[in-house]
Structures are given as structure tokens and as C-alpha cells.
Amino acid sequence: MSKRHNDHQKINEVLASFVENNKLEKGLDSVNVANAWRELMGNGVNNYTSSIKLHKGTLYVALSSSVLREELAYGKDKIIAMINEELGKEVIKKVILR
């Protein structure tokens, strides 16, 4: 018979440790931010979104519509708050719309 270990950890703790030890958090944040953008902004905005990149706390979003870019520029603070709330942590500090 094998001896059972008494060191039980929850799966989320093991995954968090793995992510931290392998320095994967930045990559995961990038994917999560892009997914949050798509989910929160809806099809109307997503149809004009050509790329989403996260770099050092700044979210860069390329839009193919200058009119939409102007409209979204007025709501940058709201966009930051919505995405950070969706992710449950402060990942984005600034938004640049191109």
C-alpha cells in the first residue's frame, strides 16, 4: 500500500503557483484582456476591432472606424474600469485607441 500525502492543495492554488513560477501571468493577462474586450464591447465594436494588445499596463486597440475611435475615446476611464472589474484585478492603467 502506498502512503497518502497529507499535503492537499486546492487546484486553484496549484495553478496560481504554476503560473507564478513559470512567469506566465503577463501572457494570461493579455489573453484575458482581449477576451474581456470582446465580451464587454459587443459585436458592434468587435466588428471594427482589428487588434488588441496589452503592454506594461497599457491596452492598445486598433479600430478600423475613426468615428468609433472618437466615440470610445470619451469613455476610456469607463472601459478601463469595466475590464479591470471583469478580470478582478487592476491590469489596465491606460487605453490607447488607434
PDB file of N, CA and C in Angstrom:
ATOM      1  N   MET A   1       0.828  -1.192   0.000  1.00  0.00           N
ATOM      2  CA  MET A   1       0.000   0.000   0.000  1.00  0.00           C
ATOM      3  C   MET A   1       0.873   1.257   0.000  1.00  0.00           C
ATOM      4  N   SER A   2       0.459   2.211  -0.773  1.00  0.00           N
ATOM      5  CA  SER A   2       1.213   3.462  -0.799  1.00  0.00           C
ATOM      6  C   SER A   2       0.690   4.391   0.284  1.00  0.00           C
ATOM      7  N   LYS A   3       1.582   5.169   0.762  1.00  0.00           N
ATOM      8  CA  LYS A   3       1.243   6.106   1.822  1.00  0.00           C
ATOM      9  C   LYS A   3       0.654   7.374   1.204  1.00  0.00           C
ATOM     10  N   ARG A   4      -0.469   7.818   1.707  1.00  0.00           N
ATOM     11  CA  ARG A   4      -1.101   9.037   1.186  1.00  0.00           C
ATOM     12  C   ARG A   4      -0.433  10.268   1.788  1.00  0.00           C
ATOM     13  N   HIS A   5      -0.332  11.289   0.966  1.00  0.00           N
ATOM     14  CA  HIS A   5       0.234  12.558   1.442  1.00  0.00           C
ATOM     15  C   HIS A   5      -0.853  13.379   2.122  1.00  0.00           C
ATOM     16  N   ASN A   6      -0.480  14.035   3.167  1.00  0.00           N
ATOM     17  CA  ASN A   6      -1.418  14.907   3.865  1.00  0.00           C
ATOM     18  C   ASN A   6      -1.356  16.340   3.347  1.00  0.00           C
ATOM     19  N   ASP A   7      -0.506  16.588   2.376  1.00  0.00           N
ATOM     20  CA  ASP A   7      -0.350  17.933   1.809  1.00  0.00           C
ATOM     21  C   ASP A   7      -1.330  18.128   0.666  1.00  0.00           C
ATOM     22  N   HIS A   8      -2.563  18.414   0.990  1.00  0.00           N
ATOM     23  CA  HIS A   8      -3.582  18.648  -0.022  1.00  0.00           C
ATOM     24  C   HIS A   8      -3.644  20.136  -0.337  1.00  0.00           C
ATOM     25  N   GLN A   9      -3.707  20.447  -1.618  1.00  0.00           N
ATOM     26  CA  GLN A   9      -3.846  21.828  -2.054  1.00  0.00           C
ATOM     27  C   GLN A   9      -5.021  21.916  -3.013  1.00  0.00           C
ATOM     28  N   LYS A  10      -5.669  23.038  -2.986  1.00  0.00           N
ATOM     29  CA  LYS A  10      -6.752  23.257  -3.942  1.00  0.00           C
ATOM     30  C   LYS A  10      -6.150  23.465  -5.320  1.00  0.00           C
ATOM     31  N   ILE A  11      -6.906  23.067  -6.353  1.00  0.00           N
ATOM     32  CA  ILE A  11      -6.411  23.155  -7.722  1.00  0.00           C
ATOM     33  C   ILE A  11      -6.087  24.602  -8.115  1.00  0.00           C
ATOM     34  N   ASN A  12      -6.886  25.570  -7.634  1.00  0.00           N
ATOM     35  CA  ASN A  12      -6.597  26.967  -7.989  1.00  0.00           C
ATOM     36  C   ASN A  12      -5.287  27.446  -7.366  1.00  0.00           C
ATOM     37  N   GLU A  13      -4.934  26.912  -6.187  1.00  0.00           N
ATOM     38  CA  GLU A  13      -3.663  27.271  -5.563  1.00  0.00           C
ATOM     39  C   GLU A  13      -2.492  26.684  -6.341  1.00  0.00           C
ATOM     40  N   VAL A  14      -2.650  25.444  -6.794  1.00  0.00           N
ATOM     41  CA  VAL A  14      -1.604  24.790  -7.571  1.00  0.00           C
ATOM     42  C   VAL A  14      -1.404  25.520  -8.901  1.00  0.00           C
ATOM     43  N   LEU A  15      -2.509  25.865  -9.575  1.00  0.00           N
ATOM     44  CA  LEU A  15      -2.408  26.577 -10.847  1.00  0.00           C
ATOM     45  C   LEU A  15      -1.805  27.968 -10.664  1.00  0.00           C
ATOM     46  N   ALA A  16      -2.212  28.673  -9.626  1.00  0.00           N
ATOM     47  CA  ALA A  16      -1.655  30.011  -9.362  1.00  0.00           C
ATOM     48  C   ALA A  16      -0.154  29.923  -9.127  1.00  0.00           C
ATOM     49  N   SER A  17       0.269  28.921  -8.389  1.00  0.00           N
ATOM     50  CA  SER A  17       1.692  28.717  -8.121  1.00  0.00           C
ATOM     51  C   SER A  17       2.443  28.392  -9.414  1.00  0.00           C
ATOM     52  N   PHE A  18       1.863  27.543 -10.241  1.00  0.00           N
ATOM     53  CA  PHE A  18       2.469  27.174 -11.521  1.00  0.00           C
ATOM     54  C   PHE A  18       2.631  28.402 -12.419  1.00  0.00           C
ATOM     55  N   VAL A  19       1.577  29.199 -12.506  1.00  0.00           N
ATOM     56  CA  VAL A  19       1.614  30.412 -13.330  1.00  0.00           C
ATOM     57  C   VAL A  19       2.696  31.359 -12.841  1.00  0.00           C
ATOM     58  N   GLU A  20       2.758  31.541 -11.517  1.00  0.00           N
ATOM     59  CA  GLU A  20       3.752  32.453 -10.934  1.00  0.00           C
ATOM     60  C   GLU A  20       5.170  31.931 -11.149  1.00  0.00           C
ATOM     61  N   ASN A  21       5.387  30.659 -10.895  1.00  0.00           N
ATOM     62  CA  ASN A  21       6.732  30.079 -11.021  1.00  0.00           C
ATOM     63  C   ASN A  21       7.242  30.079 -12.453  1.00  0.00           C
ATOM     64  N   ASN A  22       6.346  29.989 -13.411  1.00  0.00           N
ATOM     65  CA  ASN A  22       6.742  29.939 -14.813  1.00  0.00           C
ATOM     66  C   ASN A  22       6.580  31.278 -15.531  1.00  0.00           C
ATOM     67  N   LYS A  23       6.310  32.321 -14.772  1.00  0.00           N
ATOM     68  CA  LYS A  23       6.180  33.689 -15.307  1.00  0.00           C
ATOM     69  C   LYS A  23       5.201  33.755 -16.483  1.00  0.00           C
ATOM     70  N   LEU A  24       4.032  33.158 -16.298  1.00  0.00           N
ATOM     71  CA  LEU A  24       3.016  33.121 -17.348  1.00  0.00           C
ATOM     72  C   LEU A  24       1.936  34.171 -17.176  1.00  0.00           C
ATOM     73  N   GLU A  25       1.988  34.926 -16.082  1.00  0.00           N
ATOM     74  CA  GLU A  25       0.897  35.843 -15.767  1.00  0.00           C
ATOM     75  C   GLU A  25       0.683  36.918 -16.831  1.00  0.00           C
ATOM     76  N   LYS A  26       1.769  37.476 -17.372  1.00  0.00           N
ATOM     77  CA  LYS A  26       1.622  38.522 -18.393  1.00  0.00           C
ATOM     78  C   LYS A  26       0.900  37.990 -19.625  1.00  0.00           C
ATOM     79  N   GLY A  27       1.255  36.800 -20.057  1.00  0.00           N
ATOM     80  CA  GLY A  27       0.609  36.201 -21.222  1.00  0.00           C
ATOM     81  C   GLY A  27      -0.857  35.916 -20.970  1.00  0.00           C
ATOM     82  N   LEU A  28      -1.158  35.400 -19.789  1.00  0.00           N
ATOM     83  CA  LEU A  28      -2.550  35.119 -19.438  1.00  0.00           C
ATOM     84  C   LEU A  28      -3.353  36.399 -19.333  1.00  0.00           C
ATOM     85  N   ASP A  29      -2.751  37.440 -18.755  1.00  0.00           N
ATOM     86  CA  ASP A  29      -3.436  38.732 -18.666  1.00  0.00           C
ATOM     87  C   ASP A  29      -3.770  39.251 -20.055  1.00  0.00           C
ATOM     88  N   SER A  30      -2.841  39.104 -20.993  1.00  0.00           N
ATOM     89  CA  SER A  30      -3.064  39.557 -22.362  1.00  0.00           C
ATOM     90  C   SER A  30      -4.268  38.854 -22.994  1.00  0.00           C
ATOM     91  N   VAL A  31      -4.320  37.546 -22.829  1.00  0.00           N
ATOM     92  CA  VAL A  31      -5.431  36.761 -23.376  1.00  0.00           C
ATOM     93  C   VAL A  31      -6.733  37.145 -22.684  1.00  0.00           C
ATOM     94  N   ASN A  32      -6.691  37.281 -21.362  1.00  0.00           N
ATOM     95  CA  ASN A  32      -7.893  37.617 -20.605  1.00  0.00           C
ATOM     96  C   ASN A  32      -8.418  39.007 -20.940  1.00  0.00           C
ATOM     97  N   VAL A  33      -7.512  39.958 -21.165  1.00  0.00           N
ATOM     98  CA  VAL A  33      -7.919  41.320 -21.531  1.00  0.00           C
ATOM     99  C   VAL A  33      -8.599  41.306 -22.895  1.00  0.00           C
ATOM    100  N   ALA A  34      -8.031  40.588 -23.843  1.00  0.00           N
ATOM    101  CA  ALA A  34      -8.618  40.514 -25.187  1.00  0.00           C
ATOM    102  C   ALA A  34     -10.011  39.877 -25.119  1.00  0.00           C
ATOM    103  N   ASN A  35     -10.134  38.811 -24.335  1.00  0.00           N
ATOM    104  CA  ASN A  35     -11.447  38.159 -24.183  1.00  0.00           C
ATOM    105  C   ASN A  35     -12.454  39.086 -23.505  1.00  0.00           C
ATOM    106  N   ALA A  36     -12.001  39.821 -22.484  1.00  0.00           N
ATOM    107  CA  ALA A  36     -12.891  40.748 -21.780  1.00  0.00           C
ATOM    108  C   ALA A  36     -13.346  41.857 -22.728  1.00  0.00           C
ATOM    109  N   TRP A  37     -12.433  42.386 -23.547  1.00  0.00           N
ATOM    110  CA  TRP A  37     -12.789  43.421 -24.528  1.00  0.00           C
ATOM    111  C   TRP A  37     -13.901  42.915 -25.437  1.00  0.00           C
ATOM    112  N   ARG A  38     -13.695  41.718 -26.009  1.00  0.00           N
ATOM    113  CA  ARG A  38     -14.688  41.154 -26.938  1.00  0.00           C
ATOM    114  C   ARG A  38     -16.038  40.956 -26.262  1.00  0.00           C
ATOM    115  N   GLU A  39     -16.012  40.466 -25.030  1.00  0.00           N
ATOM    116  CA  GLU A  39     -17.255  40.180 -24.314  1.00  0.00           C
ATOM    117  C   GLU A  39     -17.982  41.458 -23.898  1.00  0.00           C
ATOM    118  N   LEU A  40     -17.247  42.426 -23.384  1.00  0.00           N
ATOM    119  CA  LEU A  40     -17.857  43.644 -22.849  1.00  0.00           C
ATOM    120  C   LEU A  40     -18.272  44.640 -23.930  1.00  0.00           C
ATOM    121  N   MET A  41     -17.547  44.683 -25.027  1.00  0.00           N
ATOM    122  CA  MET A  41     -17.806  45.703 -26.044  1.00  0.00           C
ATOM    123  C   MET A  41     -18.887  45.290 -27.038  1.00  0.00           C
ATOM    124  N   GLY A  42     -19.130  44.011 -27.179  1.00  0.00           N
ATOM    125  CA  GLY A  42     -20.205  43.556 -28.061  1.00  0.00           C
ATOM    126  C   GLY A  42     -19.812  43.540 -29.536  1.00  0.00           C
ATOM    127  N   ASN A  43     -20.715  42.985 -30.342  1.00  0.00           N
ATOM    128  CA  ASN A  43     -20.448  42.798 -31.775  1.00  0.00           C
ATOM    129  C   ASN A  43     -20.236  44.097 -32.529  1.00  0.00           C
ATOM    130  N   GLY A  44     -20.959  45.143 -32.169  1.00  0.00           N
ATOM    131  CA  GLY A  44     -20.834  46.415 -32.866  1.00  0.00           C
ATOM    132  C   GLY A  44     -19.412  46.935 -32.864  1.00  0.00           C
ATOM    133  N   VAL A  45     -18.759  46.882 -31.719  1.00  0.00           N
ATOM    134  CA  VAL A  45     -17.378  47.357 -31.599  1.00  0.00           C
ATOM    135  C   VAL A  45     -16.412  46.297 -32.121  1.00  0.00           C
ATOM    136  N   ASN A  46     -16.689  45.032 -31.840  1.00  0.00           N
ATOM    137  CA  ASN A  46     -15.782  43.957 -32.261  1.00  0.00           C
ATOM    138  C   ASN A  46     -15.632  43.874 -33.778  1.00  0.00           C
ATOM    139  N   ASN A  47     -16.684  44.223 -34.509  1.00  0.00           N
ATOM    140  CA  ASN A  47     -16.602  44.199 -35.972  1.00  0.00           C
ATOM    141  C   ASN A  47     -15.565  45.193 -36.500  1.00  0.00           C
ATOM    142  N   TYR A  48     -15.284  46.240 -35.732  1.00  0.00           N
ATOM    143  CA  TYR A  48     -14.318  47.263 -36.149  1.00  0.00           C
ATOM    144  C   TYR A  48     -12.979  47.161 -35.414  1.00  0.00           C
ATOM    145  N   THR A  49     -12.836  46.151 -34.557  1.00  0.00           N
ATOM    146  CA  THR A  49     -11.595  45.963 -33.803  1.00  0.00           C
ATOM    147  C   THR A  49     -10.668  45.057 -34.595  1.00  0.00           C
ATOM    148  N   SER A  50      -9.488  45.578 -34.964  1.00  0.00           N
ATOM    149  CA  SER A  50      -8.562  44.762 -35.745  1.00  0.00           C
ATOM    150  C   SER A  50      -7.459  44.137 -34.902  1.00  0.00           C
ATOM    151  N   SER A  51      -7.089  44.757 -33.780  1.00  0.00           N
ATOM    152  CA  SER A  51      -6.118  44.117 -32.889  1.00  0.00           C
ATOM    153  C   SER A  51      -6.233  44.678 -31.476  1.00  0.00           C
ATOM    154  N   ILE A  52      -5.876  43.828 -30.518  1.00  0.00           N
ATOM    155  CA  ILE A  52      -5.900  44.180 -29.096  1.00  0.00           C
ATOM    156  C   ILE A  52      -4.588  43.703 -28.506  1.00  0.00           C
ATOM    157  N   LYS A  53      -3.829  44.628 -27.916  1.00  0.00           N
ATOM    158  CA  LYS A  53      -2.547  44.263 -27.314  1.00  0.00           C
ATOM    159  C   LYS A  53      -2.421  44.913 -25.947  1.00  0.00           C
ATOM    160  N   LEU A  54      -1.835  44.182 -25.019  1.00  0.00           N
ATOM    161  CA  LEU A  54      -1.568  44.696 -23.679  1.00  0.00           C
ATOM    162  C   LEU A  54      -0.065  44.756 -23.498  1.00  0.00           C
ATOM    163  N   HIS A  55       0.433  45.925 -23.119  1.00  0.00           N
ATOM    164  CA  HIS A  55       1.869  46.076 -22.889  1.00  0.00           C
ATOM    165  C   HIS A  55       2.095  47.010 -21.705  1.00  0.00           C
ATOM    166  N   LYS A  56       2.665  46.476 -20.652  1.00  0.00           N
ATOM    167  CA  LYS A  56       3.008  47.241 -19.444  1.00  0.00           C
ATOM    168  C   LYS A  56       1.846  48.081 -18.926  1.00  0.00           C
ATOM    169  N   GLY A  57       0.680  47.463 -18.812  1.00  0.00           N
ATOM    170  CA  GLY A  57      -0.472  48.145 -18.247  1.00  0.00           C
ATOM    171  C   GLY A  57      -1.235  49.044 -19.201  1.00  0.00           C
ATOM    172  N   THR A  58      -0.781  49.112 -20.448  1.00  0.00           N
ATOM    173  CA  THR A  58      -1.467  49.918 -21.450  1.00  0.00           C
ATOM    174  C   THR A  58      -2.142  48.996 -22.454  1.00  0.00           C
ATOM    175  N   LEU A  59      -3.419  49.238 -22.678  1.00  0.00           N
ATOM    176  CA  LEU A  59      -4.179  48.475 -23.655  1.00  0.00           C
ATOM    177  C   LEU A  59      -4.194  49.247 -24.964  1.00  0.00           C
ATOM    178  N   TYR A  60      -3.660  48.626 -26.014  1.00  0.00           N
ATOM    179  CA  TYR A  60      -3.647  49.222 -27.350  1.00  0.00           C
ATOM    180  C   TYR A  60      -4.719  48.526 -28.176  1.00  0.00           C
ATOM    181  N   VAL A  61      -5.666  49.296 -28.695  1.00  0.00           N
ATOM    182  CA  VAL A  61      -6.741  48.741 -29.501  1.00  0.00           C
ATOM    183  C   VAL A  61      -6.741  49.442 -30.858  1.00  0.00           C
ATOM    184  N   ALA A  62      -6.607  48.643 -31.909  1.00  0.00           N
ATOM    185  CA  ALA A  62      -6.658  49.185 -33.273  1.00  0.00           C
ATOM    186  C   ALA A  62      -8.081  49.036 -33.787  1.00  0.00           C
ATOM    187  N   LEU A  63      -8.644  50.154 -34.213  1.00  0.00           N
ATOM    188  CA  LEU A  63     -10.015  50.185 -34.722  1.00  0.00           C
ATOM    189  C   LEU A  63     -10.006  50.658 -36.167  1.00  0.00           C
ATOM    190  N   SER A  64     -10.867  50.064 -36.982  1.00  0.00           N
ATOM    191  CA  SER A  64     -10.909  50.433 -38.396  1.00  0.00           C
ATOM    192  C   SER A  64     -11.883  51.580 -38.672  1.00  0.00           C
ATOM    193  N   SER A  65     -12.547  52.088 -37.630  1.00  0.00           N
ATOM    194  CA  SER A  65     -13.501  53.185 -37.801  1.00  0.00           C
ATOM    195  C   SER A  65     -13.056  54.392 -36.978  1.00  0.00           C
ATOM    196  N   SER A  66     -12.779  55.501 -37.676  1.00  0.00           N
ATOM    197  CA  SER A  66     -12.350  56.708 -36.965  1.00  0.00           C
ATOM    198  C   SER A  66     -13.500  57.289 -36.136  1.00  0.00           C
ATOM    199  N   VAL A  67     -14.717  57.139 -36.594  1.00  0.00           N
ATOM    200  CA  VAL A  67     -15.883  57.634 -35.855  1.00  0.00           C
ATOM    201  C   VAL A  67     -16.025  56.862 -34.531  1.00  0.00           C
ATOM    202  N   LEU A  68     -15.894  55.545 -34.599  1.00  0.00           N
ATOM    203  CA  LEU A  68     -15.979  54.716 -33.395  1.00  0.00           C
ATOM    204  C   LEU A  68     -14.831  55.044 -32.439  1.00  0.00           C
ATOM    205  N   ARG A  69     -13.646  55.263 -32.994  1.00  0.00           N
ATOM    206  CA  ARG A  69     -12.481  55.608 -32.171  1.00  0.00           C
ATOM    207  C   ARG A  69     -12.755  56.884 -31.374  1.00  0.00           C
ATOM    208  N   GLU A  70     -13.336  57.875 -32.027  1.00  0.00           N
ATOM    209  CA  GLU A  70     -13.673  59.134 -31.349  1.00  0.00           C
ATOM    210  C   GLU A  70     -14.713  58.906 -30.248  1.00  0.00           C
ATOM    211  N   GLU A  71     -15.737  58.112 -30.553  1.00  0.00           N
ATOM    212  CA  GLU A  71     -16.787  57.824 -29.568  1.00  0.00           C
ATOM    213  C   GLU A  71     -16.218  57.115 -28.345  1.00  0.00           C
ATOM    214  N   LEU A  72     -15.375  56.104 -28.570  1.00  0.00           N
ATOM    215  CA  LEU A  72     -14.802  55.339 -27.455  1.00  0.00           C
ATOM    216  C   LEU A  72     -13.797  56.164 -26.658  1.00  0.00           C
ATOM    217  N   ALA A  73     -13.169  57.138 -27.303  1.00  0.00           N
ATOM    218  CA  ALA A  73     -12.177  57.971 -26.618  1.00  0.00           C
ATOM    219  C   ALA A  73     -12.786  58.699 -25.421  1.00  0.00           C
ATOM    220  N   TYR A  74     -14.077  59.045 -25.528  1.00  0.00           N
ATOM    221  CA  TYR A  74     -14.739  59.738 -24.415  1.00  0.00           C
ATOM    222  C   TYR A  74     -14.981  58.825 -23.222  1.00  0.00           C
ATOM    223  N   GLY A  75     -14.965  57.513 -23.436  1.00  0.00           N
ATOM    224  CA  GLY A  75     -15.260  56.579 -22.361  1.00  0.00           C
ATOM    225  C   GLY A  75     -14.078  55.738 -21.920  1.00  0.00           C
ATOM    226  N   LYS A  76     -12.860  56.230 -22.119  1.00  0.00           N
ATOM    227  CA  LYS A  76     -11.663  55.442 -21.771  1.00  0.00           C
ATOM    228  C   LYS A  76     -11.654  55.011 -20.309  1.00  0.00           C
ATOM    229  N   ASP A  77     -11.983  55.928 -19.411  1.00  0.00           N
ATOM    230  CA  ASP A  77     -11.969  55.592 -17.980  1.00  0.00           C
ATOM    231  C   ASP A  77     -12.975  54.491 -17.665  1.00  0.00           C
ATOM    232  N   LYS A  78     -14.130  54.560 -18.301  1.00  0.00           N
ATOM    233  CA  LYS A  78     -15.152  53.538 -18.093  1.00  0.00           C
ATOM    234  C   LYS A  78     -14.690  52.188 -18.648  1.00  0.00           C
ATOM    235  N   ILE A  79     -14.045  52.205 -19.802  1.00  0.00           N
ATOM    236  CA  ILE A  79     -13.518  50.974 -20.407  1.00  0.00           C
ATOM    237  C   ILE A  79     -12.495  50.330 -19.475  1.00  0.00           C
ATOM    238  N   ILE A  80     -11.583  51.136 -18.947  1.00  0.00           N
ATOM    239  CA  ILE A  80     -10.561  50.638 -18.021  1.00  0.00           C
ATOM    240  C   ILE A  80     -11.229  49.995 -16.807  1.00  0.00           C
ATOM    241  N   ALA A  81     -12.190  50.706 -16.223  1.00  0.00           N
ATOM    242  CA  ALA A  81     -12.876  50.200 -15.028  1.00  0.00           C
ATOM    243  C   ALA A  81     -13.620  48.899 -15.320  1.00  0.00           C
ATOM    244  N   MET A  82     -14.326  48.848 -16.451  1.00  0.00           N
ATOM    245  CA  MET A  82     -15.102  47.647 -16.801  1.00  0.00           C
ATOM    246  C   MET A  82     -14.206  46.426 -16.998  1.00  0.00           C
ATOM    247  N   ILE A  83     -13.104  46.591 -17.718  1.00  0.00           N
ATOM    248  CA  ILE A  83     -12.228  45.449 -17.987  1.00  0.00           C
ATOM    249  C   ILE A  83     -11.525  45.005 -16.712  1.00  0.00           C
ATOM    250  N   ASN A  84     -11.020  45.950 -15.929  1.00  0.00           N
ATOM    251  CA  ASN A  84     -10.364  45.582 -14.668  1.00  0.00           C
ATOM    252  C   ASN A  84     -11.336  44.872 -13.725  1.00  0.00           C
ATOM    253  N   GLU A  85     -12.578  45.337 -13.698  1.00  0.00           N
ATOM    254  CA  GLU A  85     -13.590  44.693 -12.855  1.00  0.00           C
ATOM    255  C   GLU A  85     -13.871  43.277 -13.347  1.00  0.00           C
ATOM    256  N   GLU A  86     -13.954  43.119 -14.650  1.00  0.00           N
ATOM    257  CA  GLU A  86     -14.195  41.797 -15.249  1.00  0.00           C
ATOM    258  C   GLU A  86     -13.073  40.816 -14.891  1.00  0.00           C
ATOM    259  N   LEU A  87     -11.833  41.331 -14.857  1.00  0.00           N
ATOM    260  CA  LEU A  87     -10.673  40.480 -14.564  1.00  0.00           C
ATOM    261  C   LEU A  87     -10.445  40.298 -13.068  1.00  0.00           C
ATOM    262  N   GLY A  88     -11.070  41.142 -12.262  1.00  0.00           N
ATOM    263  CA  GLY A  88     -10.926  41.026 -10.817  1.00  0.00           C
ATOM    264  C   GLY A  88      -9.615  41.571 -10.278  1.00  0.00           C
ATOM    265  N   LYS A  89      -8.894  42.311 -11.093  1.00  0.00           N
ATOM    266  CA  LYS A  89      -7.644  42.945 -10.646  1.00  0.00           C
ATOM    267  C   LYS A  89      -7.303  44.078 -11.601  1.00  0.00           C
ATOM    268  N   GLU A  90      -6.422  44.962 -11.157  1.00  0.00           N
ATOM    269  CA  GLU A  90      -6.048  46.102 -11.988  1.00  0.00           C
ATOM    270  C   GLU A  90      -4.942  45.704 -12.950  1.00  0.00           C
ATOM    271  N   VAL A  91      -5.337  45.420 -14.175  1.00  0.00           N
ATOM    272  CA  VAL A  91      -4.386  45.032 -15.214  1.00  0.00           C
ATOM    273  C   VAL A  91      -4.119  46.220 -16.131  1.00  0.00           C
ATOM    274  N   ILE A  92      -5.170  46.997 -16.415  1.00  0.00           N
ATOM    275  CA  ILE A  92      -5.059  48.113 -17.350  1.00  0.00           C
ATOM    276  C   ILE A  92      -5.029  49.438 -16.586  1.00  0.00           C
ATOM    277  N   LYS A  93      -4.066  50.273 -16.951  1.00  0.00           N
ATOM    278  CA  LYS A  93      -3.965  51.606 -16.357  1.00  0.00           C
ATOM    279  C   LYS A  93      -4.278  52.683 -17.395  1.00  0.00           C
ATOM    280  N   LYS A  94      -4.112  52.331 -18.688  1.00  0.00           N
ATOM    281  CA  LYS A  94      -4.277  53.315 -19.760  1.00  0.00           C
ATOM    282  C   LYS A  94      -4.792  52.608 -21.011  1.00  0.00           C
ATOM    283  N   VAL A  95      -5.591  53.319 -21.811  1.00  0.00           N
ATOM    284  CA  VAL A  95      -6.094  52.788 -23.083  1.00  0.00           C
ATOM    285  C   VAL A  95      -5.676  53.731 -24.204  1.00  0.00           C
ATOM    286  N   ILE A  96      -5.110  53.147 -25.251  1.00  0.00           N
ATOM    287  CA  ILE A  96      -4.763  53.920 -26.445  1.00  0.00           C
ATOM    288  C   ILE A  96      -5.516  53.315 -27.615  1.00  0.00           C
ATOM    289  N   LEU A  97      -6.343  54.144 -28.244  1.00  0.00           N
ATOM    290  CA  LEU A  97      -7.133  53.721 -29.389  1.00  0.00           C
ATOM    291  C   LEU A  97      -6.450  54.216 -30.653  1.00  0.00           C
ATOM    292  N   ARG A  98      -6.233  53.311 -31.588  1.00  0.00           N
ATOM    293  CA  ARG A  98      -5.536  53.670 -32.837  1.00  0.00           C
ATOM    294  C   ARG A  98      -6.477  53.517 -34.001  1.00  0.00           C
TER     295      ARG A  98
END
